Amino acid sequence: MIYFDNAATTWQKPEQVYQTVDDVLRNKSGNPSRGSHQISLDASRVIFKVRKKLADFFNIQDSSQLAFTKNATESSNLIFKGFLNSGDHVIISSLEHNAITRPLHRLEEEGVIDLTVVDTEQGSAEFLTRIKEAITPQTKLVALTHASNVTGNILPVAEVGDLLADKDTALLVDAAQTAGVVPIDIEQLKVDFLVFTGHKALFGPQGVGGFYFNDDFDLEPLLEGGTGGSSKEKLNPDLYPDQYESGTLNTAGIAGLGAGIDFINQTTLTQIRKHEMRLLEKLTAGLQQISEIELLTSQISEERVGVTSFRVQGIDAVTVGQLLNSEYQIAVRTGLHCAPLAHQSIGSYETGTVRVSFSYFNTLVEVEEFLDALEEIIDFKSND
């Protein structure tokens, strides 16, 4: 199988991830922070080490300001519903994933917040101007994807951070598509909340992610319950990150995520990004040679991650994906990719797209095989 659906989940993991998860499940899978016996202490050490590893990876000075969740979606829900209050105003881009838009639309429909969507398709300079113009005294949060999961275009989050530097408005960045591919420094980006998931370019298992929070901002917990310590208190303890981590953490998954970070650090972000850009350049060049292909991109920037969307003239996206899977054993994503707002923005809402997304484990040979398969499908359907 040639797997080109890494923007959804990175299927091929480094061997050390599998080995680490197996070792922790077998030998260190006690309940972290819930016992003084050796197995529980071993699990606690696993959590502590990975938390510190992730803090270093994102340049978070205090690792207690990083909490673990299941994924970026849970993280964004926790922040939105624990941070926003009645009368607050929120700004997002027109390229957002449903992990951002759905919880915010829920709060908007309930009359809690006012929501402004700023169009990305007039370019970066106009985007920044429109964000600046949209800010009001009630604007509490600007929430942006770091890179579109539909087109791969990277948004100017650092410039937005500069815009907000002298305001009482927080910046949330959804790094689901960039963590593990693009360097992320929360100090340089002036990020107040960073949400990430482990199962994409960080090479971790599914079911583990997290978020960074600037403790200058009040954030109420979304879940409450067992946290291991302070059991006599009626409410969650006022202690970071415990108050945001109710329930037993996914120790084996977190350990696997830590092994994924180790692999990235050993390989280097520079090498990973360089390889994915080579794959993207080869794919783009090949697609541009096929007259029936319409490449779809955003005007927000030319900087990309390894994600490309396209349509095929005369063949719907779902059919292309099904034929690639059944006839060529090539996995791609088709449809709206949980980001209908982004498709409205780039003009593909009615048709959806075929999306190809890379990881470090994909090869140039696989790209060539994909392009050959696509041409065969187009030729076959045109003669059908």
Foldseek 3Di string as FASTA:
>chain_A
DAEFAQLVFDPDFPPVLVVLLVCCVVQQPDFALADDDDSNPSLVVLLVVLLVLVCVQQVPPDSLLKDKFQWLLVALLQQCVFFFFAEAEEEEELQDFCSNVVSVVVCVVVRRYHYHYQFQFVAAVVSLVVVLVPDDLRHAEYEYEQAHSAAQDGFPLQVVLVSCVPDNHAYEYECAPPVLQPRHHCVSSVHAKYWYGQRHNLRFDRRMTIMGHNVVGGGQAPDWDDQSPPVVDPTQDPGGPSRNDHDGDPSSRSSSSSVSSVVCVVCDSVNFNVQLVVLQVLLVVLQVVDPQKDWFHGNHDPDGGNKTWIAGPPDAAVVLQVCCCPPPVYHWDWDANSNLSSCVSRVCNVGTTTMGGDGSPRDNVSSVSVSVSSVVVNVVVVVD
